[in-house]
PDB file of N, CA and C in Angstrom:
ATOM      1  N   MET A   1     127.123   4.704  67.966  1.00  0.00           N
ATOM      2  CA  MET A   1     127.641   5.724  68.837  1.00  0.00           C
ATOM      3  C   MET A   1     127.015   5.714  70.327  1.00  0.00           C
ATOM      4  N   PRO A   2     125.551   5.387  70.182  1.00  0.00           N
ATOM      5  CA  PRO A   2     124.819   5.355  71.449  1.00  0.00           C
ATOM      6  C   PRO A   2     125.303   4.332  72.427  1.00  0.00           C
ATOM      7  N   ASP A   3     125.696   3.111  71.701  1.00  0.00           N
ATOM      8  CA  ASP A   3     125.961   1.942  72.518  1.00  0.00           C
ATOM      9  C   ASP A   3     127.455   2.546  73.382  1.00  0.00           C
ATOM     10  N   ALA A   4     128.282   3.071  72.874  1.00  0.00           N
ATOM     11  CA  ALA A   4     129.533   3.537  73.479  1.00  0.00           C
ATOM     12  C   ALA A   4     128.986   4.633  74.730  1.00  0.00           C
ATOM     13  N   SER A   5     128.200   5.548  74.451  1.00  0.00           N
ATOM     14  CA  SER A   5     127.722   6.600  75.400  1.00  0.00           C
ATOM     15  C   SER A   5     126.905   5.699  76.661  1.00  0.00           C
ATOM     16  N   ARG A   6     126.350   4.545  76.194  1.00  0.00           N
ATOM     17  CA  ARG A   6     125.547   3.905  77.128  1.00  0.00           C
ATOM     18  C   ARG A   6     126.639   3.314  78.222  1.00  0.00           C
ATOM     19  N   GLU A   7     127.787   2.495  77.541  1.00  0.00           N
ATOM     20  CA  GLU A   7     128.697   2.057  78.221  1.00  0.00           C
ATOM     21  C   GLU A   7     129.469   2.787  79.179  1.00  0.00           C
ATOM     22  N   ASP A   8     129.756   3.950  78.556  1.00  0.00           N
ATOM     23  CA  ASP A   8     130.536   5.149  79.586  1.00  0.00           C
ATOM     24  C   ASP A   8     129.574   5.494  80.569  1.00  0.00           C
ATOM     25  N   GLY A   9     128.219   5.576  80.442  1.00  0.00           N
ATOM     26  CA  GLY A   9     127.311   5.781  81.437  1.00  0.00           C
ATOM     27  C   GLY A   9     127.145   4.693  82.669  1.00  0.00           C
ATOM     28  N   LYS A  10     127.353   3.536  81.981  1.00  0.00           N
ATOM     29  CA  LYS A  10     127.466   2.320  83.126  1.00  0.00           C
ATOM     30  C   LYS A  10     128.641   2.322  83.855  1.00  0.00           C
ATOM     31  N   ALA A  11     129.750   2.464  83.222  1.00  0.00           N
ATOM     32  CA  ALA A  11     131.179   2.595  83.724  1.00  0.00           C
ATOM     33  C   ALA A  11     131.032   3.802  84.838  1.00  0.00           C
ATOM     34  N   TYR A  12     130.648   4.849  84.440  1.00  0.00           N
ATOM     35  CA  TYR A  12     130.506   6.013  85.391  1.00  0.00           C
ATOM     36  C   TYR A  12     129.781   5.753  86.727  1.00  0.00           C
ATOM     37  N   PHE A  13     128.547   5.120  86.404  1.00  0.00           N
ATOM     38  CA  PHE A  13     127.824   4.719  87.492  1.00  0.00           C
ATOM     39  C   PHE A  13     128.161   3.673  88.379  1.00  0.00           C
ATOM     40  N   HIS A  14     129.131   2.789  87.951  1.00  0.00           N
ATOM     41  CA  HIS A  14     129.593   1.602  88.735  1.00  0.00           C
ATOM     42  C   HIS A  14     130.972   2.288  89.402  1.00  0.00           C
ATOM     43  N   ALA A  15     131.695   3.293  88.816  1.00  0.00           N
ATOM     44  CA  ALA A  15     132.723   3.876  89.517  1.00  0.00           C
ATOM     45  C   ALA A  15     132.259   4.651  90.777  1.00  0.00           C
ATOM     46  N   ASN A  16     131.144   5.047  90.600  1.00  0.00           N
ATOM     47  CA  ASN A  16     130.507   6.118  91.648  1.00  0.00           C
ATOM     48  C   ASN A  16     129.906   5.012  92.735  1.00  0.00           C
ATOM     49  N   LEU A  17     129.180   4.053  92.561  1.00  0.00           N
ATOM     50  CA  LEU A  17     128.849   3.002  93.247  1.00  0.00           C
ATOM     51  C   LEU A  17     129.970   2.380  94.197  1.00  0.00           C
ATOM     52  N   ARG A  18     131.074   2.223  93.511  1.00  0.00           N
ATOM     53  CA  ARG A  18     132.285   1.498  94.167  1.00  0.00           C
ATOM     54  C   ARG A  18     132.760   2.302  95.023  1.00  0.00           C
ATOM     55  N   LEU A  19     133.002   3.772  94.752  1.00  0.00           N
ATOM     56  CA  LEU A  19     133.431   4.624  95.622  1.00  0.00           C
ATOM     57  C   LEU A  19     132.458   4.814  96.985  1.00  0.00           C
ATOM     58  N   ILE A  20     131.299   4.918  96.696  1.00  0.00           N
ATOM     59  CA  ILE A  20     130.304   5.027  97.833  1.00  0.00           C
ATOM     60  C   ILE A  20     130.449   4.016  98.712  1.00  0.00           C
ATOM     61  N   GLY A  21     130.401   2.734  97.946  1.00  0.00           N
ATOM     62  CA  GLY A  21     130.706   1.475  99.038  1.00  0.00           C
ATOM     63  C   GLY A  21     131.812   1.420  99.895  1.00  0.00           C
ATOM     64  N   VAL A  22     132.858   1.637  99.350  1.00  0.00           N
ATOM     65  CA  VAL A  22     134.195   1.935  99.998  1.00  0.00           C
ATOM     66  C   VAL A  22     134.047   2.834 101.392  1.00  0.00           C
ATOM     67  N   LEU A  23     133.544   4.136 100.990  1.00  0.00           N
ATOM     68  CA  LEU A  23     133.471   4.989 101.744  1.00  0.00           C
ATOM     69  C   LEU A  23     132.486   4.589 103.050  1.00  0.00           C
ATOM     70  N   LEU A  24     131.139   4.182 102.606  1.00  0.00           N
ATOM     71  CA  LEU A  24     130.196   3.804 103.581  1.00  0.00           C
ATOM     72  C   LEU A  24     130.874   2.718 104.375  1.00  0.00           C
ATOM     73  N   SER A  25     131.502   1.708 103.887  1.00  0.00           N
ATOM     74  CA  SER A  25     132.104   0.427 104.434  1.00  0.00           C
ATOM     75  C   SER A  25     133.052   1.105 105.740  1.00  0.00           C
ATOM     76  N   THR A  26     133.982   2.031 105.277  1.00  0.00           N
ATOM     77  CA  THR A  26     135.061   2.677 106.069  1.00  0.00           C
ATOM     78  C   THR A  26     134.305   3.339 107.224  1.00  0.00           C
ATOM     79  N   TRP A  27     133.130   4.126 107.084  1.00  0.00           N
ATOM     80  CA  TRP A  27     132.430   4.822 107.955  1.00  0.00           C
ATOM     81  C   TRP A  27     131.702   3.948 108.894  1.00  0.00           C
ATOM     82  N   ALA A  28     131.067   2.651 108.210  1.00  0.00           N
ATOM     83  CA  ALA A  28     130.506   1.723 109.338  1.00  0.00           C
ATOM     84  C   ALA A  28     131.584   0.955 110.190  1.00  0.00           C
ATOM     85  N   PHE A  29     132.840   0.834 109.769  1.00  0.00           N
ATOM     86  CA  PHE A  29     133.710   0.206 110.400  1.00  0.00           C
ATOM     87  C   PHE A  29     134.167   1.078 111.731  1.00  0.00           C
ATOM     88  N   VAL A  30     134.253   2.376 111.387  1.00  0.00           N
ATOM     89  CA  VAL A  30     134.836   3.387 112.349  1.00  0.00           C
ATOM     90  C   VAL A  30     133.691   3.565 113.325  1.00  0.00           C
ATOM     91  N   SER A  31     132.580   3.820 112.968  1.00  0.00           N
ATOM     92  CA  SER A  31     131.609   4.300 113.874  1.00  0.00           C
ATOM     93  C   SER A  31     131.044   2.907 114.706  1.00  0.00           C
ATOM     94  N   PHE A  32     130.635   2.017 113.944  1.00  0.00           N
ATOM     95  CA  PHE A  32     129.909   0.898 114.637  1.00  0.00           C
ATOM     96  C   PHE A  32     131.211  -0.027 115.220  1.00  0.00           C
ATOM     97  N   GLY A  33     132.217  -0.316 114.318  1.00  0.00           N
ATOM     98  CA  GLY A  33     133.162  -1.239 114.605  1.00  0.00           C
ATOM     99  C   GLY A  33     134.092  -0.675 115.950  1.00  0.00           C
ATOM    100  N   CYS A  34     134.702   0.396 115.607  1.00  0.00           N
ATOM    101  CA  CYS A  34     135.523   0.949 116.614  1.00  0.00           C
ATOM    102  C   CYS A  34     134.745   1.635 117.694  1.00  0.00           C
ATOM    103  N   GLY A  35     133.678   2.234 117.569  1.00  0.00           N
ATOM    104  CA  GLY A  35     132.832   2.790 118.493  1.00  0.00           C
ATOM    105  C   GLY A  35     132.154   1.939 119.399  1.00  0.00           C
ATOM    106  N   ILE A  36     131.773   0.727 118.906  1.00  0.00           N
ATOM    107  CA  ILE A  36     130.942   0.027 119.760  1.00  0.00           C
ATOM    108  C   ILE A  36     131.562  -1.482 119.943  1.00  0.00           C
ATOM    109  N   LEU A  37     131.702  -2.184 118.750  1.00  0.00           N
ATOM    110  CA  LEU A  37     132.414  -3.386 118.842  1.00  0.00           C
ATOM    111  C   LEU A  37     133.706  -3.607 119.458  1.00  0.00           C
ATOM    112  N   LEU A  38     134.591  -2.838 119.119  1.00  0.00           N
ATOM    113  CA  LEU A  38     136.042  -2.852 119.452  1.00  0.00           C
ATOM    114  C   LEU A  38     136.345  -1.882 120.658  1.00  0.00           C
ATOM    115  N   ALA A  39     135.364  -1.143 121.116  1.00  0.00           N
ATOM    116  CA  ALA A  39     135.542  -0.098 122.046  1.00  0.00           C
ATOM    117  C   ALA A  39     136.097  -0.665 123.498  1.00  0.00           C
ATOM    118  N   PRO A  40     135.932  -1.881 123.962  1.00  0.00           N
ATOM    119  CA  PRO A  40     136.367  -2.387 125.204  1.00  0.00           C
ATOM    120  C   PRO A  40     137.921  -2.564 124.923  1.00  0.00           C
ATOM    121  N   TRP A  41     138.262  -3.249 123.825  1.00  0.00           N
ATOM    122  CA  TRP A  41     139.545  -3.317 123.368  1.00  0.00           C
ATOM    123  C   TRP A  41     140.364  -2.184 123.211  1.00  0.00           C
ATOM    124  N   LEU A  42     139.838  -1.201 122.532  1.00  0.00           N
ATOM    125  CA  LEU A  42     140.480   0.030 122.148  1.00  0.00           C
ATOM    126  C   LEU A  42     140.445   1.026 123.578  1.00  0.00           C
ATOM    127  N   ASN A  43     139.885   0.729 124.363  1.00  0.00           N
ATOM    128  CA  ASN A  43     139.891   1.374 125.777  1.00  0.00           C
ATOM    129  C   ASN A  43     141.148   1.185 126.347  1.00  0.00           C
ATOM    130  N   GLY A  44     141.834   0.056 126.273  1.00  0.00           N
ATOM    131  CA  GLY A  44     143.055  -0.312 126.756  1.00  0.00           C
ATOM    132  C   GLY A  44     144.160   0.653 126.326  1.00  0.00           C
ATOM    133  N   PHE A  45     143.887   1.530 125.263  1.00  0.00           N
ATOM    134  CA  PHE A  45     144.819   2.529 124.811  1.00  0.00           C
ATOM    135  C   PHE A  45     144.335   3.892 125.044  1.00  0.00           C
ATOM    136  N   ASN A  46     145.228   4.893 125.001  1.00  0.00           N
ATOM    137  CA  ASN A  46     144.652   6.182 125.353  1.00  0.00           C
ATOM    138  C   ASN A  46     145.022   6.915 124.144  1.00  0.00           C
ATOM    139  N   LEU A  47     144.011   7.936 123.905  1.00  0.00           N
ATOM    140  CA  LEU A  47     144.635   8.962 122.607  1.00  0.00           C
ATOM    141  C   LEU A  47     145.738   9.790 123.069  1.00  0.00           C
ATOM    142  N   PRO A  48     146.625   9.668 122.095  1.00  0.00           N
ATOM    143  CA  PRO A  48     147.806  10.400 122.323  1.00  0.00           C
ATOM    144  C   PRO A  48     147.838  11.806 122.941  1.00  0.00           C
ATOM    145  N   PHE A  49     148.626  11.810 123.743  1.00  0.00           N
ATOM    146  CA  PHE A  49     148.890  13.359 124.540  1.00  0.00           C
ATOM    147  C   PHE A  49     147.795  13.676 125.327  1.00  0.00           C
ATOM    148  N   THR A  50     146.693  12.649 125.645  1.00  0.00           N
ATOM    149  CA  THR A  50     145.562  12.959 126.585  1.00  0.00           C
ATOM    150  C   THR A  50     145.288  11.678 127.486  1.00  0.00           C
ATOM    151  N   GLU A  51     144.462  11.780 128.341  1.00  0.00           N
ATOM    152  CA  GLU A  51     144.012  10.554 129.116  1.00  0.00           C
ATOM    153  C   GLU A  51     142.778   9.907 128.522  1.00  0.00           C
ATOM    154  N   TYR A  52     142.264  10.361 127.685  1.00  0.00           N
ATOM    155  CA  TYR A  52     140.987   9.739 127.052  1.00  0.00           C
ATOM    156  C   TYR A  52     141.220   8.261 126.485  1.00  0.00           C
ATOM    157  N   PRO A  53     140.303   7.386 126.785  1.00  0.00           N
ATOM    158  CA  PRO A  53     140.451   5.747 126.351  1.00  0.00           C
ATOM    159  C   PRO A  53     140.013   6.028 124.831  1.00  0.00           C
ATOM    160  N   LEU A  54     140.645   5.471 124.051  1.00  0.00           N
ATOM    161  CA  LEU A  54     140.567   5.331 122.548  1.00  0.00           C
ATOM    162  C   LEU A  54     139.159   4.944 122.158  1.00  0.00           C
ATOM    163  N   GLY A  55     138.488   3.889 122.755  1.00  0.00           N
ATOM    164  CA  GLY A  55     137.370   3.537 122.339  1.00  0.00           C
ATOM    165  C   GLY A  55     136.398   4.624 122.614  1.00  0.00           C
ATOM    166  N   PHE A  56     136.412   5.138 123.888  1.00  0.00           N
ATOM    167  CA  PHE A  56     135.565   6.377 123.985  1.00  0.00           C
ATOM    168  C   PHE A  56     135.527   7.499 122.814  1.00  0.00           C
ATOM    169  N   TRP A  57     136.714   7.869 122.853  1.00  0.00           N
ATOM    170  CA  TRP A  57     137.158   8.758 121.713  1.00  0.00           C
ATOM    171  C   TRP A  57     136.385   8.586 120.238  1.00  0.00           C
ATOM    172  N   PHE A  58     136.649   7.159 119.829  1.00  0.00           N
ATOM    173  CA  PHE A  58     135.935   6.902 118.633  1.00  0.00           C
ATOM    174  C   PHE A  58     134.530   7.108 118.835  1.00  0.00           C
ATOM    175  N   ALA A  59     133.902   6.534 119.858  1.00  0.00           N
ATOM    176  CA  ALA A  59     132.564   6.770 119.911  1.00  0.00           C
ATOM    177  C   ALA A  59     131.875   8.051 120.064  1.00  0.00           C
ATOM    178  N   GLN A  60     132.698   9.002 120.598  1.00  0.00           N
ATOM    179  CA  GLN A  60     132.151  10.372 120.972  1.00  0.00           C
ATOM    180  C   GLN A  60     132.604  11.403 119.582  1.00  0.00           C
ATOM    181  N   GLN A  61     133.741  11.359 119.438  1.00  0.00           N
ATOM    182  CA  GLN A  61     134.354  12.302 118.315  1.00  0.00           C
ATOM    183  C   GLN A  61     135.033  11.582 117.003  1.00  0.00           C
ATOM    184  N   GLY A  62     135.574  10.628 117.296  1.00  0.00           N
ATOM    185  CA  GLY A  62     136.578  10.006 116.133  1.00  0.00           C
ATOM    186  C   GLY A  62     135.498   9.566 114.944  1.00  0.00           C
ATOM    187  N   SER A  63     134.511   9.245 115.125  1.00  0.00           N
ATOM    188  CA  SER A  63     133.573   8.785 114.150  1.00  0.00           C
ATOM    189  C   SER A  63     133.106  10.053 113.284  1.00  0.00           C
ATOM    190  N   ILE A  64     132.886  11.105 113.821  1.00  0.00           N
ATOM    191  CA  ILE A  64     132.483  12.269 113.411  1.00  0.00           C
ATOM    192  C   ILE A  64     133.521  12.834 112.605  1.00  0.00           C
ATOM    193  N   TYR A  65     134.796  12.960 113.121  1.00  0.00           N
ATOM    194  CA  TYR A  65     136.024  13.350 112.414  1.00  0.00           C
ATOM    195  C   TYR A  65     136.274  12.822 111.134  1.00  0.00           C
ATOM    196  N   VAL A  66     136.015  11.192 111.249  1.00  0.00           N
ATOM    197  CA  VAL A  66     136.214  10.317 109.976  1.00  0.00           C
ATOM    198  C   VAL A  66     135.162  10.738 109.087  1.00  0.00           C
ATOM    199  N   PHE A  67     133.811  10.851 109.535  1.00  0.00           N
ATOM    200  CA  PHE A  67     132.861  11.212 108.585  1.00  0.00           C
ATOM    201  C   PHE A  67     133.042  12.412 107.787  1.00  0.00           C
ATOM    202  N   VAL A  68     133.518  13.451 108.310  1.00  0.00           N
ATOM    203  CA  VAL A  68     133.729  14.809 107.588  1.00  0.00           C
ATOM    204  C   VAL A  68     135.045  14.501 106.706  1.00  0.00           C
ATOM    205  N   LEU A  69     136.014  13.901 107.087  1.00  0.00           N
ATOM    206  CA  LEU A  69     137.054  13.395 106.381  1.00  0.00           C
ATOM    207  C   LEU A  69     136.532  12.563 105.047  1.00  0.00           C
ATOM    208  N   LEU A  70     135.648  11.590 105.126  1.00  0.00           N
ATOM    209  CA  LEU A  70     135.190  11.054 104.156  1.00  0.00           C
ATOM    210  C   LEU A  70     134.235  11.720 103.326  1.00  0.00           C
ATOM    211  N   ILE A  71     133.576  12.917 103.660  1.00  0.00           N
ATOM    212  CA  ILE A  71     133.095  13.740 102.887  1.00  0.00           C
ATOM    213  C   ILE A  71     133.998  14.481 101.949  1.00  0.00           C
ATOM    214  N   LEU A  72     135.017  14.917 102.367  1.00  0.00           N
ATOM    215  CA  LEU A  72     136.174  15.504 101.418  1.00  0.00           C
ATOM    216  C   LEU A  72     136.768  14.618 100.540  1.00  0.00           C
ATOM    217  N   ILE A  73     137.010  13.413 101.115  1.00  0.00           N
ATOM    218  CA  ILE A  73     137.473  12.262 100.092  1.00  0.00           C
ATOM    219  C   ILE A  73     136.510  12.098  98.944  1.00  0.00           C
ATOM    220  N   TYR A  74     135.068  11.972  99.072  1.00  0.00           N
ATOM    221  CA  TYR A  74     134.295  11.820  98.186  1.00  0.00           C
ATOM    222  C   TYR A  74     134.284  12.745  97.185  1.00  0.00           C
ATOM    223  N   VAL A  75     134.344  14.193  97.631  1.00  0.00           N
ATOM    224  CA  VAL A  75     134.299  15.413  96.772  1.00  0.00           C
ATOM    225  C   VAL A  75     135.402  15.268  95.828  1.00  0.00           C
ATOM    226  N   VAL A  76     136.781  14.962  96.269  1.00  0.00           N
ATOM    227  CA  VAL A  76     137.853  14.905  95.343  1.00  0.00           C
ATOM    228  C   VAL A  76     137.682  13.786  94.581  1.00  0.00           C
ATOM    229  N   ALA A  77     137.479  12.543  94.927  1.00  0.00           N
ATOM    230  CA  ALA A  77     137.306  11.490  94.114  1.00  0.00           C
ATOM    231  C   ALA A  77     136.317  11.667  92.994  1.00  0.00           C
ATOM    232  N   MET A  78     134.978  12.067  93.490  1.00  0.00           N
ATOM    233  CA  MET A  78     134.087  12.297  92.653  1.00  0.00           C
ATOM    234  C   MET A  78     134.533  13.474  91.269  1.00  0.00           C
ATOM    235  N   ASN A  79     135.254  14.286  91.902  1.00  0.00           N
ATOM    236  CA  ASN A  79     135.746  15.324  91.029  1.00  0.00           C
ATOM    237  C   ASN A  79     136.602  14.647  89.860  1.00  0.00           C
ATOM    238  N   ARG A  80     137.447  13.680  90.471  1.00  0.00           N
ATOM    239  CA  ARG A  80     138.294  13.027  89.532  1.00  0.00           C
ATOM    240  C   ARG A  80     137.468  12.014  88.557  1.00  0.00           C
ATOM    241  N   ILE A  81     136.549  11.264  89.189  1.00  0.00           N
ATOM    242  CA  ILE A  81     135.842  10.444  88.198  1.00  0.00           C
ATOM    243  C   ILE A  81     135.016  11.189  87.257  1.00  0.00           C
ATOM    244  N   ASP A  82     134.460  12.442  87.554  1.00  0.00           N
ATOM    245  CA  ASP A  82     133.512  13.356  86.650  1.00  0.00           C
ATOM    246  C   ASP A  82     134.635  13.633  85.447  1.00  0.00           C
ATOM    247  N   ARG A  83     135.731  14.059  85.780  1.00  0.00           N
ATOM    248  CA  ARG A  83     136.722  14.546  84.837  1.00  0.00           C
ATOM    249  C   ARG A  83     137.117  13.220  83.790  1.00  0.00           C
ATOM    250  N   ARG A  84     137.332  12.104  84.621  1.00  0.00           N
ATOM    251  CA  ARG A  84     137.535  10.855  83.562  1.00  0.00           C
ATOM    252  C   ARG A  84     136.498  10.482  82.685  1.00  0.00           C
ATOM    253  N   TYR A  85     135.357  10.670  83.013  1.00  0.00           N
ATOM    254  CA  TYR A  85     134.182  10.420  82.198  1.00  0.00           C
ATOM    255  C   TYR A  85     133.716  11.527  81.407  1.00  0.00           C
ATOM    256  N   GLY A  86     134.122  12.695  81.555  1.00  0.00           N
ATOM    257  CA  GLY A  86     133.846  13.905  80.787  1.00  0.00           C
ATOM    258  C   GLY A  86     132.407  14.444  81.224  1.00  0.00           C
ATOM    259  N   VAL A  87     132.042  14.466  82.367  1.00  0.00           N
ATOM    260  CA  VAL A  87     130.797  14.908  82.915  1.00  0.00           C
ATOM    261  C   VAL A  87     131.186  16.001  83.914  1.00  0.00           C
ATOM    262  N   ASP A  88     132.331  16.458  84.034  1.00  0.00           N
ATOM    263  CA  ASP A  88     132.473  17.591  84.992  1.00  0.00           C
ATOM    264  C   ASP A  88     131.919  18.780  84.607  1.00  0.00           C
ATOM    265  N   GLU A  89     131.860  19.803  85.573  1.00  0.00           N
ATOM    266  CA  GLU A  89     131.058  20.957  85.278  1.00  0.00           C
ATOM    267  C   GLU A  89     131.749  21.997  84.358  1.00  0.00           C
ATOM    268  N   GLU A  90     133.311  21.733  84.303  1.00  0.00           N
ATOM    269  CA  GLU A  90     134.097  22.573  83.307  1.00  0.00           C
ATOM    270  C   GLU A  90     133.892  22.106  81.875  1.00  0.00           C
ATOM    271  N   ALA A  91     133.504  20.950  81.819  1.00  0.00           N
ATOM    272  CA  ALA A  91     133.292  20.325  80.193  1.00  0.00           C
ATOM    273  C   ALA A  91     131.948  20.836  79.815  1.00  0.00           C
ATOM    274  N   SER A  92     131.000  21.120  80.552  1.00  0.00           N
ATOM    275  CA  SER A  92     129.732  21.407  80.072  1.00  0.00           C
ATOM    276  C   SER A  92     129.708  22.926  79.234  1.00  0.00           C
TER     277      SER A  92
END
């Protein structure tokens, strides 16, 4: 039985790492990619209903909005992962 528990722990840890990797990659792409590397190209477009260049918006505000959204996604996804592996707070 301890081997099954150890395998569940490894699977839980890998699911957590996979989620963190995807979310950090997304954040890096939005903040560094869209805010710095792709900013000159994105500045050719305006934020809808405004006159702000899109690259400027990503560098100043967009990456912050995406970061807050990623925190919310992390909370929801981790609650699902916790329930799947039986380590959620309601199960204790």
